mmCIF file of all heavy atoms, coordinates in Angstrom:
data_MODEL
# 
_entry.id   MODEL 
# 
loop_
_atom_site.group_PDB 
_atom_site.id 
_atom_site.type_symbol 
_atom_site.label_atom_id 
_atom_site.label_alt_id 
_atom_site.label_comp_id 
_atom_site.label_asym_id 
_atom_site.label_entity_id 
_atom_site.label_seq_id 
_atom_site.pdbx_PDB_ins_code 
_atom_site.Cartn_x 
_atom_site.Cartn_y 
_atom_site.Cartn_z 
_atom_site.occupancy 
_atom_site.B_iso_or_equiv 
_atom_site.pdbx_formal_charge 
_atom_site.auth_seq_id 
_atom_site.auth_comp_id 
_atom_site.auth_asym_id 
_atom_site.auth_atom_id 
_atom_site.pdbx_PDB_model_num 
ATOM 1   N N   . GLU A 1 1  ? -22.223 3.241  -24.538 1.00 0.00 ? 1  GLU A N   1 
ATOM 2   C CA  . GLU A 1 1  ? -20.882 3.240  -25.142 1.00 0.00 ? 1  GLU A CA  1 
ATOM 3   C C   . GLU A 1 1  ? -19.757 3.092  -24.133 1.00 0.00 ? 1  GLU A C   1 
ATOM 4   O O   . GLU A 1 1  ? -18.655 2.718  -24.505 1.00 0.00 ? 1  GLU A O   1 
ATOM 5   C CB  . GLU A 1 1  ? -20.684 4.527  -25.958 1.00 0.00 ? 1  GLU A CB  1 
ATOM 6   C CG  . GLU A 1 1  ? -21.704 4.659  -27.083 1.00 0.00 ? 1  GLU A CG  1 
ATOM 7   C CD  . GLU A 1 1  ? -21.427 5.846  -27.988 1.00 0.00 ? 1  GLU A CD  1 
ATOM 8   O OE1 . GLU A 1 1  ? -20.257 6.248  -28.100 1.00 0.00 ? 1  GLU A OE1 1 
ATOM 9   O OE2 . GLU A 1 1  ? -22.405 6.387  -28.561 1.00 0.00 ? 1  GLU A OE2 1 
ATOM 10  N N   . MET A 1 2  ? -20.011 3.389  -22.859 1.00 0.00 ? 2  MET A N   1 
ATOM 11  C CA  . MET A 1 2  ? -18.974 3.198  -21.841 1.00 0.00 ? 2  MET A CA  1 
ATOM 12  C C   . MET A 1 2  ? -19.310 2.108  -20.838 1.00 0.00 ? 2  MET A C   1 
ATOM 13  O O   . MET A 1 2  ? -18.472 1.752  -19.998 1.00 0.00 ? 2  MET A O   1 
ATOM 14  C CB  . MET A 1 2  ? -18.741 4.520  -21.079 1.00 0.00 ? 2  MET A CB  1 
ATOM 15  C CG  . MET A 1 2  ? -18.045 5.598  -21.864 1.00 0.00 ? 2  MET A CG  1 
ATOM 16  S SD  . MET A 1 2  ? -17.459 6.933  -20.764 1.00 0.00 ? 2  MET A SD  1 
ATOM 17  C CE  . MET A 1 2  ? -17.000 8.178  -21.951 1.00 0.00 ? 2  MET A CE  1 
ATOM 18  N N   . GLY A 1 3  ? -20.528 1.575  -20.893 1.00 0.00 ? 3  GLY A N   1 
ATOM 19  C CA  . GLY A 1 3  ? -20.907 0.511  -19.976 1.00 0.00 ? 3  GLY A CA  1 
ATOM 20  C C   . GLY A 1 3  ? -21.045 0.984  -18.535 1.00 0.00 ? 3  GLY A C   1 
ATOM 21  O O   . GLY A 1 3  ? -20.832 0.223  -17.590 1.00 0.00 ? 3  GLY A O   1 
ATOM 22  N N   . ILE A 1 4  ? -21.441 2.251  -18.342 1.00 0.00 ? 4  ILE A N   1 
ATOM 23  C CA  . ILE A 1 4  ? -21.594 2.819  -17.007 1.00 0.00 ? 4  ILE A CA  1 
ATOM 24  C C   . ILE A 1 4  ? -23.071 2.750  -16.598 1.00 0.00 ? 4  ILE A C   1 
ATOM 25  O O   . ILE A 1 4  ? -23.959 3.141  -17.368 1.00 0.00 ? 4  ILE A O   1 
ATOM 26  C CB  . ILE A 1 4  ? -21.117 4.293  -16.988 1.00 0.00 ? 4  ILE A CB  1 
ATOM 27  C CG1 . ILE A 1 4  ? -19.602 4.350  -17.256 1.00 0.00 ? 4  ILE A CG1 1 
ATOM 28  C CG2 . ILE A 1 4  ? -21.457 4.974  -15.660 1.00 0.00 ? 4  ILE A CG2 1 
ATOM 29  C CD1 . ILE A 1 4  ? -19.060 5.762  -17.401 1.00 0.00 ? 4  ILE A CD1 1 
ATOM 30  N N   . ASP A 1 5  ? -23.343 2.275  -15.394 1.00 0.00 ? 5  ASP A N   1 
ATOM 31  C CA  . ASP A 1 5  ? -24.704 2.268  -14.864 1.00 0.00 ? 5  ASP A CA  1 
ATOM 32  C C   . ASP A 1 5  ? -25.097 3.701  -14.499 1.00 0.00 ? 5  ASP A C   1 
ATOM 33  O O   . ASP A 1 5  ? -24.340 4.405  -13.826 1.00 0.00 ? 5  ASP A O   1 
ATOM 34  C CB  . ASP A 1 5  ? -24.820 1.388  -13.627 1.00 0.00 ? 5  ASP A CB  1 
ATOM 35  C CG  . ASP A 1 5  ? -24.735 -0.076 -13.951 1.00 0.00 ? 5  ASP A CG  1 
ATOM 36  O OD1 . ASP A 1 5  ? -25.458 -0.509 -14.876 1.00 0.00 ? 5  ASP A OD1 1 
ATOM 37  O OD2 . ASP A 1 5  ? -23.948 -0.805 -13.294 1.00 0.00 ? 5  ASP A OD2 1 
ATOM 38  N N   . VAL A 1 6  ? -26.272 4.110  -14.932 1.00 0.00 ? 6  VAL A N   1 
ATOM 39  C CA  . VAL A 1 6  ? -26.772 5.457  -14.607 1.00 0.00 ? 6  VAL A CA  1 
ATOM 40  C C   . VAL A 1 6  ? -28.095 5.303  -13.881 1.00 0.00 ? 6  VAL A C   1 
ATOM 41  O O   . VAL A 1 6  ? -29.046 4.691  -14.382 1.00 0.00 ? 6  VAL A O   1 
ATOM 42  C CB  . VAL A 1 6  ? -26.961 6.318  -15.860 1.00 0.00 ? 6  VAL A CB  1 
ATOM 43  C CG1 . VAL A 1 6  ? -27.603 7.669  -15.481 1.00 0.00 ? 6  VAL A CG1 1 
ATOM 44  C CG2 . VAL A 1 6  ? -25.625 6.552  -16.557 1.00 0.00 ? 6  VAL A CG2 1 
ATOM 45  N N   . TYR A 1 7  ? -28.155 5.864  -12.671 1.00 0.00 ? 7  TYR A N   1 
ATOM 46  C CA  . TYR A 1 7  ? -29.379 5.829  -11.852 1.00 0.00 ? 7  TYR A CA  1 
ATOM 47  C C   . TYR A 1 7  ? -29.841 7.265  -11.674 1.00 0.00 ? 7  TYR A C   1 
ATOM 48  O O   . TYR A 1 7  ? -29.181 8.074  -11.018 1.00 0.00 ? 7  TYR A O   1 
ATOM 49  C CB  . TYR A 1 7  ? -29.093 5.184  -10.495 1.00 0.00 ? 7  TYR A CB  1 
ATOM 50  C CG  . TYR A 1 7  ? -28.463 3.811  -10.616 1.00 0.00 ? 7  TYR A CG  1 
ATOM 51  C CD1 . TYR A 1 7  ? -27.115 3.610  -10.264 1.00 0.00 ? 7  TYR A CD1 1 
ATOM 52  C CD2 . TYR A 1 7  ? -29.194 2.733  -11.064 1.00 0.00 ? 7  TYR A CD2 1 
ATOM 53  C CE1 . TYR A 1 7  ? -26.536 2.380  -10.372 1.00 0.00 ? 7  TYR A CE1 1 
ATOM 54  C CE2 . TYR A 1 7  ? -28.610 1.470  -11.171 1.00 0.00 ? 7  TYR A CE2 1 
ATOM 55  C CZ  . TYR A 1 7  ? -27.275 1.295  -10.829 1.00 0.00 ? 7  TYR A CZ  1 
ATOM 56  O OH  . TYR A 1 7  ? -26.691 0.049  -10.942 1.00 0.00 ? 7  TYR A OH  1 
ATOM 57  N N   . ALA A 1 8  ? -30.987 7.586  -12.248 1.00 0.00 ? 8  ALA A N   1 
ATOM 58  C CA  . ALA A 1 8  ? -31.532 8.939  -12.196 1.00 0.00 ? 8  ALA A CA  1 
ATOM 59  C C   . ALA A 1 8  ? -32.744 8.956  -11.268 1.00 0.00 ? 8  ALA A C   1 
ATOM 60  O O   . ALA A 1 8  ? -33.563 8.025  -11.274 1.00 0.00 ? 8  ALA A O   1 
ATOM 61  C CB  . ALA A 1 8  ? -31.925 9.419  -13.597 1.00 0.00 ? 8  ALA A CB  1 
ATOM 62  N N   . PHE A 1 9  ? -32.843 10.036 -10.496 1.00 0.00 ? 9  PHE A N   1 
ATOM 63  C CA  . PHE A 1 9  ? -33.923 10.181 -9.531  1.00 0.00 ? 9  PHE A CA  1 
ATOM 64  C C   . PHE A 1 9  ? -34.625 11.522 -9.758  1.00 0.00 ? 9  PHE A C   1 
ATOM 65  O O   . PHE A 1 9  ? -33.959 12.552 -9.893  1.00 0.00 ? 9  PHE A O   1 
ATOM 66  C CB  . PHE A 1 9  ? -33.385 10.137 -8.095  1.00 0.00 ? 9  PHE A CB  1 
ATOM 67  C CG  . PHE A 1 9  ? -32.732 8.842  -7.734  1.00 0.00 ? 9  PHE A CG  1 
ATOM 68  C CD1 . PHE A 1 9  ? -31.441 8.549  -8.156  1.00 0.00 ? 9  PHE A CD1 1 
ATOM 69  C CD2 . PHE A 1 9  ? -33.410 7.890  -6.981  1.00 0.00 ? 9  PHE A CD2 1 
ATOM 70  C CE1 . PHE A 1 9  ? -30.828 7.364  -7.826  1.00 0.00 ? 9  PHE A CE1 1 
ATOM 71  C CE2 . PHE A 1 9  ? -32.804 6.681  -6.652  1.00 0.00 ? 9  PHE A CE2 1 
ATOM 72  C CZ  . PHE A 1 9  ? -31.520 6.413  -7.073  1.00 0.00 ? 9  PHE A CZ  1 
ATOM 73  N N   . GLY A 1 10 ? -35.956 11.521 -9.777  1.00 0.00 ? 10 GLY A N   1 
ATOM 74  C CA  . GLY A 1 10 ? -36.651 12.791 -9.962  1.00 0.00 ? 10 GLY A CA  1 
ATOM 75  C C   . GLY A 1 10 ? -38.153 12.610 -9.994  1.00 0.00 ? 10 GLY A C   1 
ATOM 76  O O   . GLY A 1 10 ? -38.677 11.493 -10.123 1.00 0.00 ? 10 GLY A O   1 
ATOM 77  N N   . ILE A 1 11 ? -38.845 13.725 -9.897  1.00 0.00 ? 11 ILE A N   1 
ATOM 78  C CA  . ILE A 1 11 ? -40.294 13.708 -10.049 1.00 0.00 ? 11 ILE A CA  1 
ATOM 79  C C   . ILE A 1 11 ? -40.647 13.821 -11.545 1.00 0.00 ? 11 ILE A C   1 
ATOM 80  O O   . ILE A 1 11 ? -39.845 14.326 -12.330 1.00 0.00 ? 11 ILE A O   1 
ATOM 81  C CB  . ILE A 1 11 ? -40.976 14.849 -9.246  1.00 0.00 ? 11 ILE A CB  1 
ATOM 82  C CG1 . ILE A 1 11 ? -40.440 16.211 -9.686  1.00 0.00 ? 11 ILE A CG1 1 
ATOM 83  C CG2 . ILE A 1 11 ? -40.732 14.653 -7.745  1.00 0.00 ? 11 ILE A CG2 1 
ATOM 84  C CD1 . ILE A 1 11 ? -41.071 17.384 -8.958  1.00 0.00 ? 11 ILE A CD1 1 
ATOM 85  N N   . THR A 1 12 ? -41.797 13.356 -11.917 1.00 0.00 ? 12 THR A N   1 
ATOM 86  C CA  . THR A 1 12 ? -42.165 13.370 -13.329 1.00 0.00 ? 12 THR A CA  1 
ATOM 87  C C   . THR A 1 12 ? -42.825 14.697 -13.743 1.00 0.00 ? 12 THR A C   1 
ATOM 88  O O   . THR A 1 12 ? -42.461 15.271 -14.762 1.00 0.00 ? 12 THR A O   1 
ATOM 89  C CB  . THR A 1 12 ? -43.114 12.225 -13.655 1.00 0.00 ? 12 THR A CB  1 
ATOM 90  O OG1 . THR A 1 12 ? -44.239 12.269 -12.776 1.00 0.00 ? 12 THR A OG1 1 
ATOM 91  C CG2 . THR A 1 12 ? -42.400 10.890 -13.534 1.00 0.00 ? 12 THR A CG2 1 
ATOM 92  N N   . ALA A 1 13 ? -43.781 15.168 -12.932 1.00 0.00 ? 13 ALA A N   1 
ATOM 93  C CA  . ALA A 1 13 ? -44.593 16.312 -13.345 1.00 0.00 ? 13 ALA A CA  1 
ATOM 94  C C   . ALA A 1 13 ? -44.443 17.486 -12.401 1.00 0.00 ? 13 ALA A C   1 
ATOM 95  O O   . ALA A 1 13 ? -44.132 17.321 -11.226 1.00 0.00 ? 13 ALA A O   1 
ATOM 96  C CB  . ALA A 1 13 ? -46.065 15.923 -13.448 1.00 0.00 ? 13 ALA A CB  1 
ATOM 97  N N   . ASP A 1 14 ? -44.645 18.700 -12.935 1.00 0.00 ? 14 ASP A N   1 
ATOM 98  C CA  . ASP A 1 14 ? -44.498 19.911 -12.136 1.00 0.00 ? 14 ASP A CA  1 
ATOM 99  C C   . ASP A 1 14 ? -45.816 20.245 -11.444 1.00 0.00 ? 14 ASP A C   1 
ATOM 100 O O   . ASP A 1 14 ? -46.763 19.464 -11.442 1.00 0.00 ? 14 ASP A O   1 
ATOM 101 C CB  . ASP A 1 14 ? -44.020 21.062 -13.012 1.00 0.00 ? 14 ASP A CB  1 
ATOM 102 C CG  . ASP A 1 14 ? -45.014 21.419 -14.117 1.00 0.00 ? 14 ASP A CG  1 
ATOM 103 O OD1 . ASP A 1 14 ? -46.198 21.016 -14.065 1.00 0.00 ? 14 ASP A OD1 1 
ATOM 104 O OD2 . ASP A 1 14 ? -44.622 22.127 -15.074 1.00 0.00 ? 14 ASP A OD2 1 
ATOM 105 N N   . PHE A 1 15 ? -45.874 21.454 -10.859 1.00 0.00 ? 15 PHE A N   1 
ATOM 106 C CA  . PHE A 1 15 ? -47.052 21.842 -10.087 1.00 0.00 ? 15 PHE A CA  1 
ATOM 107 C C   . PHE A 1 15 ? -48.285 22.072 -10.957 1.00 0.00 ? 15 PHE A C   1 
ATOM 108 O O   . PHE A 1 15 ? -49.404 22.205 -10.463 1.00 0.00 ? 15 PHE A O   1 
ATOM 109 C CB  . PHE A 1 15 ? -46.762 23.121 -9.286  1.00 0.00 ? 15 PHE A CB  1 
ATOM 110 C CG  . PHE A 1 15 ? -46.618 24.371 -10.133 1.00 0.00 ? 15 PHE A CG  1 
ATOM 111 C CD1 . PHE A 1 15 ? -47.613 25.327 -10.162 1.00 0.00 ? 15 PHE A CD1 1 
ATOM 112 C CD2 . PHE A 1 15 ? -45.484 24.574 -10.903 1.00 0.00 ? 15 PHE A CD2 1 
ATOM 113 C CE1 . PHE A 1 15 ? -47.497 26.458 -10.931 1.00 0.00 ? 15 PHE A CE1 1 
ATOM 114 C CE2 . PHE A 1 15 ? -45.338 25.714 -11.682 1.00 0.00 ? 15 PHE A CE2 1 
ATOM 115 C CZ  . PHE A 1 15 ? -46.344 26.648 -11.699 1.00 0.00 ? 15 PHE A CZ  1 
ATOM 116 N N   . ARG A 1 16 ? -48.083 22.111 -12.299 1.00 0.00 ? 16 ARG A N   1 
ATOM 117 C CA  . ARG A 1 16 ? -49.205 22.246 -13.227 1.00 0.00 ? 16 ARG A CA  1 
ATOM 118 C C   . ARG A 1 16 ? -49.634 20.895 -13.775 1.00 0.00 ? 16 ARG A C   1 
ATOM 119 O O   . ARG A 1 16 ? -50.459 20.839 -14.680 1.00 0.00 ? 16 ARG A O   1 
ATOM 120 C CB  . ARG A 1 16 ? -48.802 23.160 -14.390 1.00 0.00 ? 16 ARG A CB  1 
ATOM 121 C CG  . ARG A 1 16 ? -48.407 24.560 -13.959 1.00 0.00 ? 16 ARG A CG  1 
ATOM 122 C CD  . ARG A 1 16 ? -47.711 25.330 -15.068 1.00 0.00 ? 16 ARG A CD  1 
ATOM 123 N NE  . ARG A 1 16 ? -46.458 24.664 -15.475 1.00 0.00 ? 16 ARG A NE  1 
ATOM 124 C CZ  . ARG A 1 16 ? -45.565 25.202 -16.328 1.00 0.00 ? 16 ARG A CZ  1 
ATOM 125 N NH1 . ARG A 1 16 ? -45.804 26.400 -16.823 1.00 0.00 ? 16 ARG A NH1 1 
ATOM 126 N NH2 . ARG A 1 16 ? -44.476 24.550 -16.634 1.00 0.00 ? 16 ARG A NH2 1 
ATOM 127 N N   . THR A 1 17 ? -49.034 19.811 -13.256 1.00 0.00 ? 17 THR A N   1 
ATOM 128 C CA  . THR A 1 17 ? -49.229 18.426 -13.705 1.00 0.00 ? 17 THR A CA  1 
ATOM 129 C C   . THR A 1 17 ? -48.726 18.225 -15.130 1.00 0.00 ? 17 THR A C   1 
ATOM 130 O O   . THR A 1 17 ? -49.205 17.350 -15.843 1.00 0.00 ? 17 THR A O   1 
ATOM 131 C CB  . THR A 1 17 ? -50.706 17.966 -13.599 1.00 0.00 ? 17 THR A CB  1 
ATOM 132 O OG1 . THR A 1 17 ? -51.517 18.701 -14.523 1.00 0.00 ? 17 THR A OG1 1 
ATOM 133 C CG2 . THR A 1 17 ? -51.240 18.140 -12.185 1.00 0.00 ? 17 THR A CG2 1 
ATOM 134 N N   . GLU A 1 18 ? -47.734 18.991 -15.546 1.00 0.00 ? 18 GLU A N   1 
ATOM 135 C CA  . GLU A 1 18 ? -47.099 18.856 -16.857 1.00 0.00 ? 18 GLU A CA  1 
ATOM 136 C C   . GLU A 1 18 ? -45.706 18.232 -16.665 1.00 0.00 ? 18 GLU A C   1 
ATOM 137 O O   . GLU A 1 18 ? -44.996 18.564 -15.721 1.00 0.00 ? 18 GLU A O   1 
ATOM 138 C CB  . GLU A 1 18 ? -46.989 20.207 -17.569 1.00 0.00 ? 18 GLU A CB  1 
ATOM 139 C CG  . GLU A 1 18 ? -48.327 20.861 -17.855 1.00 0.00 ? 18 GLU A CG  1 
ATOM 140 C CD  . GLU A 1 18 ? -48.180 22.237 -18.461 1.00 0.00 ? 18 GLU A CD  1 
ATOM 141 O OE1 . GLU A 1 18 ? -47.031 22.643 -18.754 1.00 0.00 ? 18 GLU A OE1 1 
ATOM 142 O OE2 . GLU A 1 18 ? -49.204 22.912 -18.669 1.00 0.00 ? 18 GLU A OE2 1 
ATOM 143 N N   . LEU A 1 19 ? -45.332 17.343 -17.572 1.00 0.00 ? 19 LEU A N   1 
ATOM 144 C CA  . LEU A 1 19 ? -44.050 16.660 -17.463 1.00 0.00 ? 19 LEU A CA  1 
ATOM 145 C C   . LEU A 1 19 ? -42.886 17.647 -17.573 1.00 0.00 ? 19 LEU A C   1 
ATOM 146 O O   . LEU A 1 19 ? -42.901 18.553 -18.412 1.00 0.00 ? 19 LEU A O   1 
ATOM 147 C CB  . LEU A 1 19 ? -43.900 15.616 -18.565 1.00 0.00 ? 19 LEU A CB  1 
ATOM 148 C CG  . LEU A 1 19 ? -44.767 14.364 -18.457 1.00 0.00 ? 19 LEU A CG  1 
ATOM 149 C CD1 . LEU A 1 19 ? -44.581 13.493 -19.687 1.00 0.00 ? 19 LEU A CD1 1 
ATOM 150 C CD2 . LEU A 1 19 ? -44.445 13.566 -17.200 1.00 0.00 ? 19 LEU A CD2 1 
ATOM 151 N N   . PHE A 1 20 ? -41.888 17.461 -16.712 1.00 0.00 ? 20 PHE A N   1 
ATOM 152 C CA  . PHE A 1 20 ? -40.646 18.167 -16.885 1.00 0.00 ? 20 PHE A CA  1 
ATOM 153 C C   . PHE A 1 20 ? -39.951 17.645 -18.151 1.00 0.00 ? 20 PHE A C   1 
ATOM 154 O O   . PHE A 1 20 ? -40.013 16.439 -18.422 1.00 0.00 ? 20 PHE A O   1 
ATOM 155 C CB  . PHE A 1 20 ? -39.723 17.946 -15.681 1.00 0.00 ? 20 PHE A CB  1 
ATOM 156 C CG  . PHE A 1 20 ? -40.067 18.731 -14.456 1.00 0.00 ? 20 PHE A CG  1 
ATOM 157 C CD1 . PHE A 1 20 ? -40.797 18.149 -13.435 1.00 0.00 ? 20 PHE A CD1 1 
ATOM 158 C CD2 . PHE A 1 20 ? -39.654 20.044 -14.319 1.00 0.00 ? 20 PHE A CD2 1 
ATOM 159 C CE1 . PHE A 1 20 ? -41.107 18.862 -12.306 1.00 0.00 ? 20 PHE A CE1 1 
ATOM 160 C CE2 . PHE A 1 20 ? -39.951 20.769 -13.182 1.00 0.00 ? 20 PHE A CE2 1 
ATOM 161 C CZ  . PHE A 1 20 ? -40.688 20.192 -12.166 1.00 0.00 ? 20 PHE A CZ  1 
ATOM 162 N N   . PRO A 1 21 ? -39.273 18.496 -18.913 1.00 0.00 ? 21 PRO A N   1 
ATOM 163 C CA  . PRO A 1 21 ? -38.586 18.022 -20.120 1.00 0.00 ? 21 PRO A CA  1 
ATOM 164 C C   . PRO A 1 21 ? -37.586 16.905 -19.821 1.00 0.00 ? 21 PRO A C   1 
ATOM 165 O O   . PRO A 1 21 ? -37.500 15.928 -20.558 1.00 0.00 ? 21 PRO A O   1 
ATOM 166 C CB  . PRO A 1 21 ? -37.884 19.277 -20.635 1.00 0.00 ? 21 PRO A CB  1 
ATOM 167 C CG  . PRO A 1 21 ? -38.724 20.414 -20.153 1.00 0.00 ? 21 PRO A CG  1 
ATOM 168 C CD  . PRO A 1 21 ? -39.216 19.971 -18.798 1.00 0.00 ? 21 PRO A CD  1 
ATOM 169 N N   . GLY A 1 22 ? -36.820 17.039 -18.724 1.00 0.00 ? 22 GLY A N   1 
ATOM 170 C CA  . GLY A 1 22 ? -35.854 16.004 -18.387 1.00 0.00 ? 22 GLY A CA  1 
ATOM 171 C C   . GLY A 1 22 ? -36.529 14.678 -18.051 1.00 0.00 ? 22 GLY A C   1 
ATOM 172 O O   . GLY A 1 22 ? -36.093 13.604 -18.470 1.00 0.00 ? 22 GLY A O   1 
ATOM 173 N N   . SER A 1 23 ? -37.627 14.726 -17.313 1.00 0.00 ? 23 SER A N   1 
ATOM 174 C CA  . SER A 1 23 ? -38.351 13.511 -16.943 1.00 0.00 ? 23 SER A CA  1 
ATOM 175 C C   . SER A 1 23 ? -38.977 12.860 -18.179 1.00 0.00 ? 23 SER A C   1 
ATOM 176 O O   . SER A 1 23 ? -38.972 11.622 -18.314 1.00 0.00 ? 23 SER A O   1 
ATOM 177 C CB  . SER A 1 23 ? -39.425 13.822 -15.922 1.00 0.00 ? 23 SER A CB  1 
ATOM 178 O OG  . SER A 1 23 ? -38.861 14.330 -14.733 1.00 0.00 ? 23 SER A OG  1 
ATOM 179 N N   . ARG A 1 24 ? -39.507 13.675 -19.062 1.00 0.00 ? 24 ARG A N   1 
ATOM 180 C CA  . ARG A 1 24 ? -40.098 13.133 -20.284 1.00 0.00 ? 24 ARG A CA  1 
ATOM 181 C C   . ARG A 1 24 ? -39.056 12.342 -21.090 1.00 0.00 ? 24 ARG A C   1 
ATOM 182 O O   . ARG A 1 24 ? -39.316 11.223 -21.553 1.00 0.00 ? 24 ARG A O   1 
ATOM 183 C CB  . ARG A 1 24 ? -40.668 14.240 -21.159 1.00 0.00 ? 24 ARG A CB  1 
ATOM 184 C CG  . ARG A 1 24 ? -41.294 13.729 -22.470 1.00 0.00 ? 24 ARG A CG  1 
ATOM 185 C CD  . ARG A 1 24 ? -41.716 14.859 -23.379 1.00 0.00 ? 24 ARG A CD  1 
ATOM 186 N NE  . ARG A 1 24 ? -42.791 15.649 -22.784 1.00 0.00 ? 24 ARG A NE  1 
ATOM 187 C CZ  . ARG A 1 24 ? -42.645 16.902 -22.376 1.00 0.00 ? 24 ARG A CZ  1 
ATOM 188 N NH1 . ARG A 1 24 ? -41.469 17.508 -22.479 1.00 0.00 ? 24 ARG A NH1 1 
ATOM 189 N NH2 . ARG A 1 24 ? -43.655 17.554 -21.854 1.00 0.00 ? 24 ARG A NH2 1 
ATOM 190 N N   . ARG A 1 25 ? -37.846 12.927 -21.215 1.00 0.00 ? 25 ARG A N   1 
ATOM 191 C CA  . ARG A 1 25 ? -36.807 12.253 -21.990 1.00 0.00 ? 25 ARG A CA  1 
ATOM 192 C C   . ARG A 1 25 ? -36.327 10.971 -21.265 1.00 0.00 ? 25 ARG A C   1 
ATOM 193 O O   . ARG A 1 25 ? -35.997 9.985  -21.924 1.00 0.00 ? 25 ARG A O   1 
ATOM 194 C CB  . ARG A 1 25 ? -35.629 13.200 -22.240 1.00 0.00 ? 25 ARG A CB  1 
ATOM 195 C CG  . ARG A 1 25 ? -34.751 12.747 -23.410 1.00 0.00 ? 25 ARG A CG  1 
ATOM 196 C CD  . ARG A 1 25 ? -35.484 12.864 -24.713 1.00 0.00 ? 25 ARG A CD  1 
ATOM 197 N NE  . ARG A 1 25 ? -34.689 12.443 -25.855 1.00 0.00 ? 25 ARG A NE  1 
ATOM 198 C CZ  . ARG A 1 25 ? -35.101 11.502 -26.713 1.00 0.00 ? 25 ARG A CZ  1 
ATOM 199 N NH1 . ARG A 1 25 ? -36.258 10.899 -26.538 1.00 0.00 ? 25 ARG A NH1 1 
ATOM 200 N NH2 . ARG A 1 25 ? -34.346 11.188 -27.738 1.00 0.00 ? 25 ARG A NH2 1 
ATOM 201 N N   . LEU A 1 26 ? -36.292 11.016 -19.950 1.00 0.00 ? 26 LEU A N   1 
ATOM 202 C CA  . LEU A 1 26 ? -35.911 9.821  -19.210 1.00 0.00 ? 26 LEU A CA  1 
ATOM 203 C C   . LEU A 1 26 ? -36.929 8.698  -19.402 1.00 0.00 ? 26 LEU A C   1 
ATOM 204 O O   . LEU A 1 26 ? -36.554 7.546  -19.584 1.00 0.00 ? 26 LEU A O   1 
ATOM 205 C CB  . LEU A 1 26 ? -35.757 10.162 -17.729 1.00 0.00 ? 26 LEU A CB  1 
ATOM 206 C CG  . LEU A 1 26 ? -34.435 10.790 -17.319 1.00 0.00 ? 26 LEU A CG  1 
ATOM 207 C CD1 . LEU A 1 26 ? -34.532 11.426 -15.923 1.00 0.00 ? 26 LEU A CD1 1 
ATOM 208 C CD2 . LEU A 1 26 ? -33.325 9.720  -17.314 1.00 0.00 ? 26 LEU A CD2 1 
ATOM 209 N N   . ILE A 1 27 ? -38.204 9.037  -19.382 1.00 0.00 ? 27 ILE A N   1 
ATOM 210 C CA  . ILE A 1 27 ? -39.239 8.034  -19.583 1.00 0.00 ? 27 ILE A CA  1 
ATOM 211 C C   . ILE A 1 27 ? -39.109 7.426  -20.979 1.00 0.00 ? 27 ILE A C   1 
ATOM 212 O O   . ILE A 1 27 ? -39.291 6.226  -21.185 1.00 0.00 ? 27 ILE A O   1 
ATOM 213 C CB  . ILE A 1 27 ? -40.630 8.650  -19.391 1.00 0.00 ? 27 ILE A CB  1 
ATOM 214 C CG1 . ILE A 1 27 ? -40.823 9.013  -17.914 1.00 0.00 ? 27 ILE A CG1 1 
ATOM 215 C CG2 . ILE A 1 27 ? -41.733 7.690  -19.849 1.00 0.00 ? 27 ILE A CG2 1 
ATOM 216 C CD1 . ILE A 1 27 ? -42.073 9.834  -17.638 1.00 0.00 ? 27 ILE A CD1 1 
ATOM 217 N N   . GLU A 1 28 ? -38.728 8.265  -21.935 1.00 0.00 ? 28 GLU A N   1 
ATOM 218 C CA  . GLU A 1 28 ? -38.599 7.799  -23.317 1.00 0.00 ? 28 GLU A CA  1 
ATOM 219 C C   . GLU A 1 28 ? -37.374 6.914  -23.530 1.00 0.00 ? 28 GLU A C   1 
ATOM 220 O O   . GLU A 1 28 ? -37.402 5.979  -24.347 1.00 0.00 ? 28 GLU A O   1 
ATOM 221 C CB  . GLU A 1 28 ? -38.514 9.007  -24.253 1.00 0.00 ? 28 GLU A CB  1 
ATOM 222 C CG  . GLU A 1 28 ? -39.799 9.832  -24.322 1.00 0.00 ? 28 GLU A CG  1 
ATOM 223 C CD  . GLU A 1 28 ? -39.600 11.184 -24.969 1.00 0.00 ? 28 GLU A CD  1 
ATOM 224 O OE1 . GLU A 1 28 ? -38.442 11.608 -25.151 1.00 0.00 ? 28 GLU A OE1 1 
ATOM 225 O OE2 . GLU A 1 28 ? -40.621 11.819 -25.316 1.00 0.00 ? 28 GLU A OE2 1 
# 
């Protein structure tokens, strides 16, 4: 809606090999 480029950086999974909620939503 604003035409702004967003570049997000992060790891996908935690120490239990489970996706972080934020990473899951970013992948989606």
